[in-house]
Amino acid sequence: MYLHLGQDTVVRMEDVLGVFDLENASISPHTRSFLKNAEKEGRVFNVSYEMPRSFIVCIENGETIVYISQISTATLRKREGFMDGLSGLESMENMNFEDTQLEESEEYHIG
């Protein structure tokens, strides 16, 4: 099953680690650090031409990838099968990025 993130971008549900509200989650210094490091390593992809509302963390081919989307977390969670796809995971609202590290590897390219 796939999740449409905006524009022409879809990800496999099994690759999704979490969907986060950009405004609320970025309050935490750990989250800001996580996003800053991911961007520095070229692992953040903005799939929005509008005001971003959420970010989606995925593992693709063993790499942590972050997508920035204009679609709200509520809308993404309502999409068919989304909650079923994440049923084994705990709530992502309070996820701590303090111990999350991105590994050095080749630059990731979409397409």
PDB file of N, CA and C in Angstrom:
ATOM      1  N   MET A   1       0.835  -1.170   0.000  1.00  0.00           N
ATOM      2  CA  MET A   1       0.000   0.000   0.000  1.00  0.00           C
ATOM      3  C   MET A   1       0.890   1.246   0.000  1.00  0.00           C
ATOM      4  N   TYR A   2       0.392   2.307  -0.591  1.00  0.00           N
ATOM      5  CA  TYR A   2       1.161   3.533  -0.745  1.00  0.00           C
ATOM      6  C   TYR A   2       0.448   4.716  -0.105  1.00  0.00           C
ATOM      7  N   LEU A   3       1.229   5.705   0.291  1.00  0.00           N
ATOM      8  CA  LEU A   3       0.699   6.932   0.874  1.00  0.00           C
ATOM      9  C   LEU A   3       1.135   8.097  -0.003  1.00  0.00           C
ATOM     10  N   HIS A   4       0.153   8.870  -0.489  1.00  0.00           N
ATOM     11  CA  HIS A   4       0.429  10.043  -1.318  1.00  0.00           C
ATOM     12  C   HIS A   4       0.762  11.215  -0.409  1.00  0.00           C
ATOM     13  N   LEU A   5       1.934  11.828  -0.609  1.00  0.00           N
ATOM     14  CA  LEU A   5       2.414  12.907   0.255  1.00  0.00           C
ATOM     15  C   LEU A   5       2.214  14.293  -0.330  1.00  0.00           C
ATOM     16  N   GLY A   6       1.837  14.373  -1.577  1.00  0.00           N
ATOM     17  CA  GLY A   6       1.672  15.659  -2.238  1.00  0.00           C
ATOM     18  C   GLY A   6       2.424  15.670  -3.540  1.00  0.00           C
ATOM     19  N   GLN A   7       1.971  16.555  -4.447  1.00  0.00           N
ATOM     20  CA  GLN A   7       2.542  16.647  -5.780  1.00  0.00           C
ATOM     21  C   GLN A   7       2.550  15.250  -6.395  1.00  0.00           C
ATOM     22  N   ASP A   8       3.661  14.776  -6.845  1.00  0.00           N
ATOM     23  CA  ASP A   8       3.738  13.455  -7.479  1.00  0.00           C
ATOM     24  C   ASP A   8       4.510  12.466  -6.623  1.00  0.00           C
ATOM     25  N   THR A   9       4.467  12.636  -5.312  1.00  0.00           N
ATOM     26  CA  THR A   9       5.279  11.809  -4.425  1.00  0.00           C
ATOM     27  C   THR A   9       4.424  10.830  -3.636  1.00  0.00           C
ATOM     28  N   VAL A  10       4.790   9.564  -3.722  1.00  0.00           N
ATOM     29  CA  VAL A  10       4.159   8.520  -2.922  1.00  0.00           C
ATOM     30  C   VAL A  10       5.261   7.708  -2.255  1.00  0.00           C
ATOM     31  N   VAL A  11       4.948   7.167  -1.085  1.00  0.00           N
ATOM     32  CA  VAL A  11       5.885   6.291  -0.381  1.00  0.00           C
ATOM     33  C   VAL A  11       5.156   5.009  -0.012  1.00  0.00           C
ATOM     34  N   ARG A  12       5.922   3.957   0.138  1.00  0.00           N
ATOM     35  CA  ARG A  12       5.329   2.695   0.578  1.00  0.00           C
ATOM     36  C   ARG A  12       4.991   2.806   2.060  1.00  0.00           C
ATOM     37  N   MET A  13       3.823   2.331   2.441  1.00  0.00           N
ATOM     38  CA  MET A  13       3.386   2.397   3.836  1.00  0.00           C
ATOM     39  C   MET A  13       4.380   1.709   4.759  1.00  0.00           C
ATOM     40  N   GLU A  14       4.953   0.616   4.308  1.00  0.00           N
ATOM     41  CA  GLU A  14       5.880  -0.130   5.160  1.00  0.00           C
ATOM     42  C   GLU A  14       7.171   0.645   5.427  1.00  0.00           C
ATOM     43  N   ASP A  15       7.438   1.685   4.646  1.00  0.00           N
ATOM     44  CA  ASP A  15       8.629   2.512   4.846  1.00  0.00           C
ATOM     45  C   ASP A  15       8.392   3.672   5.808  1.00  0.00           C
ATOM     46  N   VAL A  16       7.132   3.962   6.133  1.00  0.00           N
ATOM     47  CA  VAL A  16       6.796   5.120   6.971  1.00  0.00           C
ATOM     48  C   VAL A  16       7.051   4.808   8.444  1.00  0.00           C
ATOM     49  N   LEU A  17       7.898   5.620   9.076  1.00  0.00           N
ATOM     50  CA  LEU A  17       8.140   5.511  10.517  1.00  0.00           C
ATOM     51  C   LEU A  17       7.185   6.386  11.301  1.00  0.00           C
ATOM     52  N   GLY A  18       6.852   7.544  10.749  1.00  0.00           N
ATOM     53  CA  GLY A  18       5.956   8.444  11.458  1.00  0.00           C
ATOM     54  C   GLY A  18       5.573   9.645  10.630  1.00  0.00           C
ATOM     55  N   VAL A  19       4.433  10.223  11.009  1.00  0.00           N
ATOM     56  CA  VAL A  19       3.914  11.430  10.381  1.00  0.00           C
ATOM     57  C   VAL A  19       3.772  12.456  11.491  1.00  0.00           C
ATOM     58  N   PHE A  20       4.339  13.643  11.283  1.00  0.00           N
ATOM     59  CA  PHE A  20       4.413  14.631  12.353  1.00  0.00           C
ATOM     60  C   PHE A  20       3.898  15.985  11.901  1.00  0.00           C
ATOM     61  N   ASP A  21       3.218  16.675  12.798  1.00  0.00           N
ATOM     62  CA  ASP A  21       2.788  18.041  12.558  1.00  0.00           C
ATOM     63  C   ASP A  21       4.028  18.926  12.626  1.00  0.00           C
ATOM     64  N   LEU A  22       4.320  19.638  11.571  1.00  0.00           N
ATOM     65  CA  LEU A  22       5.550  20.421  11.491  1.00  0.00           C
ATOM     66  C   LEU A  22       5.606  21.512  12.549  1.00  0.00           C
ATOM     67  N   GLU A  23       4.503  22.192  12.757  1.00  0.00           N
ATOM     68  CA  GLU A  23       4.485  23.294  13.722  1.00  0.00           C
ATOM     69  C   GLU A  23       4.686  22.804  15.151  1.00  0.00           C
ATOM     70  N   ASN A  24       3.974  21.762  15.540  1.00  0.00           N
ATOM     71  CA  ASN A  24       4.061  21.268  16.920  1.00  0.00           C
ATOM     72  C   ASN A  24       5.343  20.489  17.199  1.00  0.00           C
ATOM     73  N   ALA A  25       5.728  19.625  16.286  1.00  0.00           N
ATOM     74  CA  ALA A  25       6.899  18.772  16.530  1.00  0.00           C
ATOM     75  C   ALA A  25       8.203  19.559  16.491  1.00  0.00           C
ATOM     76  N   SER A  26       8.245  20.632  15.718  1.00  0.00           N
ATOM     77  CA  SER A  26       9.502  21.372  15.585  1.00  0.00           C
ATOM     78  C   SER A  26       9.788  22.285  16.772  1.00  0.00           C
ATOM     79  N   ILE A  27       8.929  22.269  17.773  1.00  0.00           N
ATOM     80  CA  ILE A  27       9.180  23.016  19.005  1.00  0.00           C
ATOM     81  C   ILE A  27      10.350  22.394  19.762  1.00  0.00           C
ATOM     82  N   SER A  28      10.436  21.079  19.746  1.00  0.00           N
ATOM     83  CA  SER A  28      11.488  20.364  20.464  1.00  0.00           C
ATOM     84  C   SER A  28      12.857  20.628  19.835  1.00  0.00           C
ATOM     85  N   PRO A  29      13.857  20.941  20.659  1.00  0.00           N
ATOM     86  CA  PRO A  29      15.205  21.135  20.106  1.00  0.00           C
ATOM     87  C   PRO A  29      15.767  19.853  19.488  1.00  0.00           C
ATOM     88  N   HIS A  30      15.338  18.701  19.982  1.00  0.00           N
ATOM     89  CA  HIS A  30      15.806  17.426  19.425  1.00  0.00           C
ATOM     90  C   HIS A  30      15.257  17.232  18.013  1.00  0.00           C
ATOM     91  N   THR A  31      13.994  17.596  17.831  1.00  0.00           N
ATOM     92  CA  THR A  31      13.393  17.474  16.508  1.00  0.00           C
ATOM     93  C   THR A  31      14.043  18.453  15.543  1.00  0.00           C
ATOM     94  N   ARG A  32      14.264  19.680  15.983  1.00  0.00           N
ATOM     95  CA  ARG A  32      14.924  20.674  15.128  1.00  0.00           C
ATOM     96  C   ARG A  32      16.319  20.196  14.733  1.00  0.00           C
ATOM     97  N   SER A  33      17.036  19.610  15.675  1.00  0.00           N
ATOM     98  CA  SER A  33      18.371  19.084  15.389  1.00  0.00           C
ATOM     99  C   SER A  33      18.302  17.932  14.387  1.00  0.00           C
ATOM    100  N   PHE A  34      17.339  17.040  14.583  1.00  0.00           N
ATOM    101  CA  PHE A  34      17.141  15.912  13.670  1.00  0.00           C
ATOM    102  C   PHE A  34      16.885  16.416  12.253  1.00  0.00           C
ATOM    103  N   LEU A  35      15.967  17.380  12.120  1.00  0.00           N
ATOM    104  CA  LEU A  35      15.628  17.912  10.801  1.00  0.00           C
ATOM    105  C   LEU A  35      16.809  18.664  10.178  1.00  0.00           C
ATOM    106  N   LYS A  36      17.523  19.412  10.986  1.00  0.00           N
ATOM    107  CA  LYS A  36      18.685  20.160  10.496  1.00  0.00           C
ATOM    108  C   LYS A  36      19.755  19.201   9.972  1.00  0.00           C
ATOM    109  N   ASN A  37      20.039  18.142  10.725  1.00  0.00           N
ATOM    110  CA  ASN A  37      21.038  17.157  10.296  1.00  0.00           C
ATOM    111  C   ASN A  37      20.596  16.427   9.035  1.00  0.00           C
ATOM    112  N   ALA A  38      19.313  16.072   8.975  1.00  0.00           N
ATOM    113  CA  ALA A  38      18.796  15.390   7.789  1.00  0.00           C
ATOM    114  C   ALA A  38      18.913  16.296   6.565  1.00  0.00           C
ATOM    115  N   GLU A  39      18.608  17.575   6.743  1.00  0.00           N
ATOM    116  CA  GLU A  39      18.713  18.515   5.626  1.00  0.00           C
ATOM    117  C   GLU A  39      20.174  18.692   5.196  1.00  0.00           C
ATOM    118  N   LYS A  40      21.050  18.795   6.160  1.00  0.00           N
ATOM    119  CA  LYS A  40      22.481  18.956   5.881  1.00  0.00           C
ATOM    120  C   LYS A  40      23.016  17.761   5.084  1.00  0.00           C
ATOM    121  N   GLU A  41      22.482  16.572   5.366  1.00  0.00           N
ATOM    122  CA  GLU A  41      22.926  15.348   4.692  1.00  0.00           C
ATOM    123  C   GLU A  41      22.174  15.092   3.387  1.00  0.00           C
ATOM    124  N   GLY A  42      21.296  16.016   2.997  1.00  0.00           N
ATOM    125  CA  GLY A  42      20.560  15.860   1.743  1.00  0.00           C
ATOM    126  C   GLY A  42      19.455  14.837   1.803  1.00  0.00           C
ATOM    127  N   ARG A  43      18.894  14.634   2.987  1.00  0.00           N
ATOM    128  CA  ARG A  43      17.860  13.614   3.159  1.00  0.00           C
ATOM    129  C   ARG A  43      16.477  14.209   3.413  1.00  0.00           C
ATOM    130  N   VAL A  44      16.326  15.498   3.154  1.00  0.00           N
ATOM    131  CA  VAL A  44      15.025  16.157   3.296  1.00  0.00           C
ATOM    132  C   VAL A  44      14.553  16.559   1.909  1.00  0.00           C
ATOM    133  N   PHE A  45      13.317  16.167   1.593  1.00  0.00           N
ATOM    134  CA  PHE A  45      12.735  16.471   0.295  1.00  0.00           C
ATOM    135  C   PHE A  45      11.422  17.208   0.501  1.00  0.00           C
ATOM    136  N   ASN A  46      11.353  18.421  -0.038  1.00  0.00           N
ATOM    137  CA  ASN A  46      10.138  19.219   0.060  1.00  0.00           C
ATOM    138  C   ASN A  46       9.244  18.858  -1.117  1.00  0.00           C
ATOM    139  N   VAL A  47       8.113  18.232  -0.834  1.00  0.00           N
ATOM    140  CA  VAL A  47       7.179  17.822  -1.883  1.00  0.00           C
ATOM    141  C   VAL A  47       5.958  18.730  -1.867  1.00  0.00           C
ATOM    142  N   SER A  48       6.162  19.971  -1.441  1.00  0.00           N
ATOM    143  CA  SER A  48       5.079  20.928  -1.298  1.00  0.00           C
ATOM    144  C   SER A  48       5.426  22.227  -1.997  1.00  0.00           C
ATOM    145  N   TYR A  49       4.469  22.756  -2.735  1.00  0.00           N
ATOM    146  CA  TYR A  49       4.626  24.092  -3.311  1.00  0.00           C
ATOM    147  C   TYR A  49       3.880  25.109  -2.458  1.00  0.00           C
ATOM    148  N   GLU A  50       3.232  24.627  -1.431  1.00  0.00           N
ATOM    149  CA  GLU A  50       2.453  25.479  -0.539  1.00  0.00           C
ATOM    150  C   GLU A  50       3.096  25.474   0.844  1.00  0.00           C
ATOM    151  N   MET A  51       2.420  26.118   1.800  1.00  0.00           N
ATOM    152  CA  MET A  51       2.901  26.168   3.179  1.00  0.00           C
ATOM    153  C   MET A  51       3.001  24.743   3.728  1.00  0.00           C
ATOM    154  N   PRO A  52       4.183  24.313   4.176  1.00  0.00           N
ATOM    155  CA  PRO A  52       4.319  22.952   4.710  1.00  0.00           C
ATOM    156  C   PRO A  52       3.571  22.793   6.026  1.00  0.00           C
ATOM    157  N   ARG A  53       2.928  21.630   6.191  1.00  0.00           N
ATOM    158  CA  ARG A  53       2.148  21.363   7.394  1.00  0.00           C
ATOM    159  C   ARG A  53       2.604  20.121   8.134  1.00  0.00           C
ATOM    160  N   SER A  54       3.326  19.241   7.464  1.00  0.00           N
ATOM    161  CA  SER A  54       3.730  17.993   8.116  1.00  0.00           C
ATOM    162  C   SER A  54       5.076  17.539   7.576  1.00  0.00           C
ATOM    163  N   PHE A  55       5.692  16.633   8.330  1.00  0.00           N
ATOM    164  CA  PHE A  55       6.865  15.943   7.793  1.00  0.00           C
ATOM    165  C   PHE A  55       6.708  14.466   8.072  1.00  0.00           C
ATOM    166  N   ILE A  56       7.181  13.680   7.137  1.00  0.00           N
ATOM    167  CA  ILE A  56       7.027  12.236   7.173  1.00  0.00           C
ATOM    168  C   ILE A  56       8.427  11.634   7.188  1.00  0.00           C
ATOM    169  N   VAL A  57       8.690  10.796   8.181  1.00  0.00           N
ATOM    170  CA  VAL A  57       9.991  10.140   8.296  1.00  0.00           C
ATOM    171  C   VAL A  57       9.845   8.719   7.763  1.00  0.00           C
ATOM    172  N   CYS A  58      10.706   8.373   6.824  1.00  0.00           N
ATOM    173  CA  CYS A  58      10.675   7.051   6.202  1.00  0.00           C
ATOM    174  C   CYS A  58      12.064   6.424   6.241  1.00  0.00           C
ATOM    175  N   ILE A  59      12.082   5.113   6.143  1.00  0.00           N
ATOM    176  CA  ILE A  59      13.321   4.371   5.928  1.00  0.00           C
ATOM    177  C   ILE A  59      13.205   3.767   4.537  1.00  0.00           C
ATOM    178  N   GLU A  60      14.073   4.216   3.645  1.00  0.00           N
ATOM    179  CA  GLU A  60      14.067   3.724   2.271  1.00  0.00           C
ATOM    180  C   GLU A  60      15.453   3.198   1.935  1.00  0.00           C
ATOM    181  N   ASN A  61      15.525   1.940   1.597  1.00  0.00           N
ATOM    182  CA  ASN A  61      16.814   1.305   1.278  1.00  0.00           C
ATOM    183  C   ASN A  61      17.826   1.505   2.397  1.00  0.00           C
ATOM    184  N   GLY A  62      17.358   1.417   3.639  1.00  0.00           N
ATOM    185  CA  GLY A  62      18.230   1.526   4.796  1.00  0.00           C
ATOM    186  C   GLY A  62      18.607   2.942   5.188  1.00  0.00           C
ATOM    187  N   GLU A  63      18.082   3.942   4.504  1.00  0.00           N
ATOM    188  CA  GLU A  63      18.392   5.340   4.795  1.00  0.00           C
ATOM    189  C   GLU A  63      17.174   6.058   5.365  1.00  0.00           C
ATOM    190  N   THR A  64      17.414   6.955   6.320  1.00  0.00           N
ATOM    191  CA  THR A  64      16.345   7.781   6.868  1.00  0.00           C
ATOM    192  C   THR A  64      16.102   8.940   5.915  1.00  0.00           C
ATOM    193  N   ILE A  65      14.860   9.072   5.456  1.00  0.00           N
ATOM    194  CA  ILE A  65      14.469  10.127   4.529  1.00  0.00           C
ATOM    195  C   ILE A  65      13.326  10.911   5.167  1.00  0.00           C
ATOM    196  N   VAL A  66      13.354  12.233   5.019  1.00  0.00           N
ATOM    197  CA  VAL A  66      12.298  13.089   5.554  1.00  0.00           C
ATOM    198  C   VAL A  66      11.634  13.814   4.389  1.00  0.00           C
ATOM    199  N   TYR A  67      10.313  13.728   4.328  1.00  0.00           N
ATOM    200  CA  TYR A  67       9.536  14.441   3.322  1.00  0.00           C
ATOM    201  C   TYR A  67       8.762  15.554   4.010  1.00  0.00           C
ATOM    202  N   ILE A  68       8.792  16.747   3.435  1.00  0.00           N
ATOM    203  CA  ILE A  68       8.023  17.880   3.925  1.00  0.00           C
ATOM    204  C   ILE A  68       6.808  18.004   3.010  1.00  0.00           C
ATOM    205  N   SER A  69       5.602  18.035   3.601  1.00  0.00           N
ATOM    206  CA  SER A  69       4.371  18.022   2.818  1.00  0.00           C
ATOM    207  C   SER A  69       3.412  19.129   3.246  1.00  0.00           C
ATOM    208  N   GLN A  70       2.596  19.581   2.302  1.00  0.00           N
ATOM    209  CA  GLN A  70       1.562  20.554   2.614  1.00  0.00           C
ATOM    210  C   GLN A  70       0.306  19.887   3.165  1.00  0.00           C
ATOM    211  N   ILE A  71       0.270  18.570   3.153  1.00  0.00           N
ATOM    212  CA  ILE A  71      -0.904  17.837   3.630  1.00  0.00           C
ATOM    213  C   ILE A  71      -0.812  17.689   5.146  1.00  0.00           C
ATOM    214  N   SER A  72      -1.909  17.971   5.837  1.00  0.00           N
ATOM    215  CA  SER A  72      -1.917  17.911   7.302  1.00  0.00           C
ATOM    216  C   SER A  72      -1.798  16.470   7.789  1.00  0.00           C
ATOM    217  N   THR A  73      -1.328  16.327   9.015  1.00  0.00           N
ATOM    218  CA  THR A  73      -1.221  14.987   9.600  1.00  0.00           C
ATOM    219  C   THR A  73      -2.592  14.341   9.700  1.00  0.00           C
ATOM    220  N   ALA A  74      -3.612  15.127  10.019  1.00  0.00           N
ATOM    221  CA  ALA A  74      -4.970  14.577  10.134  1.00  0.00           C
ATOM    222  C   ALA A  74      -5.421  13.981   8.804  1.00  0.00           C
ATOM    223  N   THR A  75      -5.169  14.672   7.715  1.00  0.00           N
ATOM    224  CA  THR A  75      -5.555  14.167   6.394  1.00  0.00           C
ATOM    225  C   THR A  75      -4.759  12.921   6.036  1.00  0.00           C
ATOM    226  N   LEU A  76      -3.461  12.940   6.287  1.00  0.00           N
ATOM    227  CA  LEU A  76      -2.640  11.765   5.983  1.00  0.00           C
ATOM    228  C   LEU A  76      -3.105  10.552   6.779  1.00  0.00           C
ATOM    229  N   ARG A  77      -3.470  10.775   8.029  1.00  0.00           N
ATOM    230  CA  ARG A  77      -3.902   9.662   8.878  1.00  0.00           C
ATOM    231  C   ARG A  77      -5.269   9.121   8.481  1.00  0.00           C
ATOM    232  N   LYS A  78      -6.062   9.940   7.839  1.00  0.00           N
ATOM    233  CA  LYS A  78      -7.391   9.498   7.407  1.00  0.00           C
ATOM    234  C   LYS A  78      -7.356   8.703   6.111  1.00  0.00           C
ATOM    235  N   ARG A  79      -6.273   8.807   5.394  1.00  0.00           N
ATOM    236  CA  ARG A  79      -6.194   8.098   4.115  1.00  0.00           C
ATOM    237  C   ARG A  79      -6.347   6.597   4.344  1.00  0.00           C
ATOM    238  N   GLU A  80      -6.968   5.979   3.394  1.00  0.00           N
ATOM    239  CA  GLU A  80      -7.314   4.559   3.533  1.00  0.00           C
ATOM    240  C   GLU A  80      -6.136   3.702   3.963  1.00  0.00           C
ATOM    241  N   GLY A  81      -6.334   2.977   5.059  1.00  0.00           N
ATOM    242  CA  GLY A  81      -5.347   2.022   5.530  1.00  0.00           C
ATOM    243  C   GLY A  81      -4.180   2.612   6.277  1.00  0.00           C
ATOM    244  N   PHE A  82      -4.119   3.927   6.432  1.00  0.00           N
ATOM    245  CA  PHE A  82      -2.945   4.524   7.062  1.00  0.00           C
ATOM    246  C   PHE A  82      -2.768   4.045   8.486  1.00  0.00           C
ATOM    247  N   MET A  83      -3.801   4.137   9.302  1.00  0.00           N
ATOM    248  CA  MET A  83      -3.668   3.727  10.693  1.00  0.00           C
ATOM    249  C   MET A  83      -3.413   2.226  10.795  1.00  0.00           C
ATOM    250  N   ASP A  84      -4.009   1.450   9.898  1.00  0.00           N
ATOM    251  CA  ASP A  84      -3.748   0.011   9.901  1.00  0.00           C
ATOM    252  C   ASP A  84      -2.279  -0.266   9.606  1.00  0.00           C
ATOM    253  N   GLY A  85      -1.698   0.524   8.724  1.00  0.00           N
ATOM    254  CA  GLY A  85      -0.294   0.350   8.367  1.00  0.00           C
ATOM    255  C   GLY A  85       0.645   0.654   9.514  1.00  0.00           C
ATOM    256  N   LEU A  86       0.206   1.483  10.460  1.00  0.00           N
ATOM    257  CA  LEU A  86       1.044   1.852  11.597  1.00  0.00           C
ATOM    258  C   LEU A  86       0.552   1.236  12.900  1.00  0.00           C
ATOM    259  N   SER A  87      -0.327   0.263  12.824  1.00  0.00           N
ATOM    260  CA  SER A  87      -0.972  -0.273  14.020  1.00  0.00           C
ATOM    261  C   SER A  87       0.007  -0.823  15.049  1.00  0.00           C
ATOM    262  N   GLY A  88       1.175  -1.273  14.629  1.00  0.00           N
ATOM    263  CA  GLY A  88       2.139  -1.831  15.566  1.00  0.00           C
ATOM    264  C   GLY A  88       3.031  -0.795  16.216  1.00  0.00           C
ATOM    265  N   LEU A  89       2.888   0.451  15.843  1.00  0.00           N
ATOM    266  CA  LEU A  89       3.750   1.496  16.379  1.00  0.00           C
ATOM    267  C   LEU A  89       3.050   2.282  17.472  1.00  0.00           C
ATOM    268  N   GLU A  90       3.850   2.805  18.388  1.00  0.00           N
ATOM    269  CA  GLU A  90       3.308   3.675  19.421  1.00  0.00           C
ATOM    270  C   GLU A  90       3.019   5.037  18.813  1.00  0.00           C
ATOM    271  N   SER A  91       2.320   5.873  19.554  1.00  0.00           N
ATOM    272  CA  SER A  91       2.027   7.224  19.098  1.00  0.00           C
ATOM    273  C   SER A  91       3.318   7.945  18.747  1.00  0.00           C
ATOM    274  N   MET A  92       3.324   8.616  17.619  1.00  0.00           N
ATOM    275  CA  MET A  92       4.512   9.326  17.168  1.00  0.00           C
ATOM    276  C   MET A  92       4.533  10.772  17.646  1.00  0.00           C
ATOM    277  N   GLU A  93       3.484  11.220  18.313  1.00  0.00           N
ATOM    278  CA  GLU A  93       3.408  12.615  18.716  1.00  0.00           C
ATOM    279  C   GLU A  93       4.513  12.988  19.694  1.00  0.00           C
ATOM    280  N   ASN A  94       4.943  12.053  20.528  1.00  0.00           N
ATOM    281  CA  ASN A  94       5.946  12.353  21.538  1.00  0.00           C
ATOM    282  C   ASN A  94       7.275  11.666  21.257  1.00  0.00           C
ATOM    283  N   MET A  95       7.524  11.347  20.001  1.00  0.00           N
ATOM    284  CA  MET A  95       8.757  10.657  19.642  1.00  0.00           C
ATOM    285  C   MET A  95       9.957  11.545  19.943  1.00  0.00           C
ATOM    286  N   ASN A  96      10.974  10.960  20.533  1.00  0.00           N
ATOM    287  CA  ASN A  96      12.178  11.681  20.917  1.00  0.00           C
ATOM    288  C   ASN A  96      13.261  11.415  19.879  1.00  0.00           C
ATOM    289  N   PHE A  97      13.742  12.457  19.245  1.00  0.00           N
ATOM    290  CA  PHE A  97      14.774  12.319  18.231  1.00  0.00           C
ATOM    291  C   PHE A  97      16.169  12.446  18.816  1.00  0.00           C
ATOM    292  N   GLU A  98      16.277  12.562  20.132  1.00  0.00           N
ATOM    293  CA  GLU A  98      17.570  12.784  20.776  1.00  0.00           C
ATOM    294  C   GLU A  98      18.574  11.692  20.431  1.00  0.00           C
ATOM    295  N   ASP A  99      18.133  10.438  20.426  1.00  0.00           N
ATOM    296  CA  ASP A  99      19.050   9.329  20.194  1.00  0.00           C
ATOM    297  C   ASP A  99      19.071   8.867  18.742  1.00  0.00           C
ATOM    298  N   THR A 100      18.339   9.560  17.863  1.00  0.00           N
ATOM    299  CA  THR A 100      18.280   9.186  16.462  1.00  0.00           C
ATOM    300  C   THR A 100      19.453   9.807  15.723  1.00  0.00           C
ATOM    301  N   GLN A 101      20.200   8.967  15.033  1.00  0.00           N
ATOM    302  CA  GLN A 101      21.344   9.458  14.275  1.00  0.00           C
ATOM    303  C   GLN A 101      21.216   9.005  12.840  1.00  0.00           C
ATOM    304  N   LEU A 102      21.539   9.887  11.942  1.00  0.00           N
ATOM    305  CA  LEU A 102      21.562   9.541  10.533  1.00  0.00           C
ATOM    306  C   LEU A 102      22.957   9.058  10.187  1.00  0.00           C
ATOM    307  N   GLU A 103      23.021   8.005   9.425  1.00  0.00           N
ATOM    308  CA  GLU A 103      24.315   7.454   9.052  1.00  0.00           C
ATOM    309  C   GLU A 103      24.837   8.141   7.801  1.00  0.00           C
ATOM    310  N   GLU A 104      26.144   8.240   7.712  1.00  0.00           N
ATOM    311  CA  GLU A 104      26.778   8.800   6.527  1.00  0.00           C
ATOM    312  C   GLU A 104      26.642   7.793   5.389  1.00  0.00           C
ATOM    313  N   SER A 105      26.227   8.253   4.235  1.00  0.00           N
ATOM    314  CA  SER A 105      26.181   7.389   3.064  1.00  0.00           C
ATOM    315  C   SER A 105      26.041   8.269   1.831  1.00  0.00           C
ATOM    316  N   GLU A 106      25.906   7.633   0.683  1.00  0.00           N
ATOM    317  CA  GLU A 106      25.788   8.380  -0.553  1.00  0.00           C
ATOM    318  C   GLU A 106      24.515   9.213  -0.552  1.00  0.00           C
ATOM    319  N   GLU A 107      24.545  10.288  -1.333  1.00  0.00           N
ATOM    320  CA  GLU A 107      23.380  11.158  -1.450  1.00  0.00           C
ATOM    321  C   GLU A 107      22.228  10.376  -2.067  1.00  0.00           C
ATOM    322  N   TYR A 108      21.026  10.621  -1.576  1.00  0.00           N
ATOM    323  CA  TYR A 108      19.842   9.923  -2.044  1.00  0.00           C
ATOM    324  C   TYR A 108      19.163  10.758  -3.118  1.00  0.00           C
ATOM    325  N   HIS A 109      18.808  10.137  -4.215  1.00  0.00           N
ATOM    326  CA  HIS A 109      18.133  10.846  -5.299  1.00  0.00           C
ATOM    327  C   HIS A 109      16.784  10.194  -5.567  1.00  0.00           C
ATOM    328  N   ILE A 110      15.766  11.011  -5.738  1.00  0.00           N
ATOM    329  CA  ILE A 110      14.440  10.503  -6.092  1.00  0.00           C
ATOM    330  C   ILE A 110      14.380  10.349  -7.600  1.00  0.00           C
ATOM    331  N   GLY A 111      13.747   9.266  -8.015  1.00  0.00           N
ATOM    332  CA  GLY A 111      13.505   9.098  -9.436  1.00  0.00           C
ATOM    333  C   GLY A 111      14.436   8.160 -10.014  1.00  0.00           C
TER     334      GLY A 111
END
